[in-house]
């Protein structure tokens, strides 16, 4: 499939190296007749913090234009749609959504609008913690990396035993490429389907980084524990996801951070 990615500078878009990429501002000048599939990675910052307004909904703006041109649209959504729970929960695509902030609420509104208006042209991927080298990014991994560089430690404000779903960016990209080829309809979880303890993430990152860095534990409550069941996506695409050597992956990211600092 001829695929276009909108939001060229986003974390995920930078790793989608097989596709043509444009910025959100250049999208209006694109000749859509050259493409079959469009993925949106762009987002208005207000979409994460304000109540829903169509004027700040880039997913729907681009999706509407793409679908009206007869193309297939892929929306990147979020695991936060399922809720914020202290108990470990495993969510599938039929789990009742329980959005808990403006970002997750707005994503659910957008999902529903796209699926209602263009049900035969939409793929929605609800991503888990898709991670890679993210120094400076507003994400959990970005926070950890910035803490190591700026503070020499990672301040952990919740229990190190909290379990979450983490998916390496390299694997996420491979899956997205399959999605572009097959163009499945509806909602799918983009995830590892594995509950990884946060302590494994941060300790492996610290081990790779060195510099006498350490963990500063300031909170002990189990926080936002979740696993996304990816069975539907695996069966639809006929692919295998994982397992992952998380300690090795996070250790390498810590080492990479050390080398870039020096």
Foldseek 3Di string as FASTA:
>chain_A
DQEEEECCPDPLNVLLVVHHYDYLVCVVVDDLVRGAEYEYPDFQVVQQADADDPVRDSQLVVLVVQVVVVHAYEYEAAPLQQDKDLDEEEDEPPRDGDHDHSNSVNRVVSQVVSCVVRQPRYEYEHEWAADAQQCPDPDPNNQLLVCCVPPVEREAAEAQQAWTWYDYSNLLSVLVVLCSVQVDGDYFYRTQQDTDGNNLLNVLLCLLQPPVYYYHYNYYGRIRHYGYDGVVSCVSSVHDHDDDPNSVRSSVSSNVSNVVVD
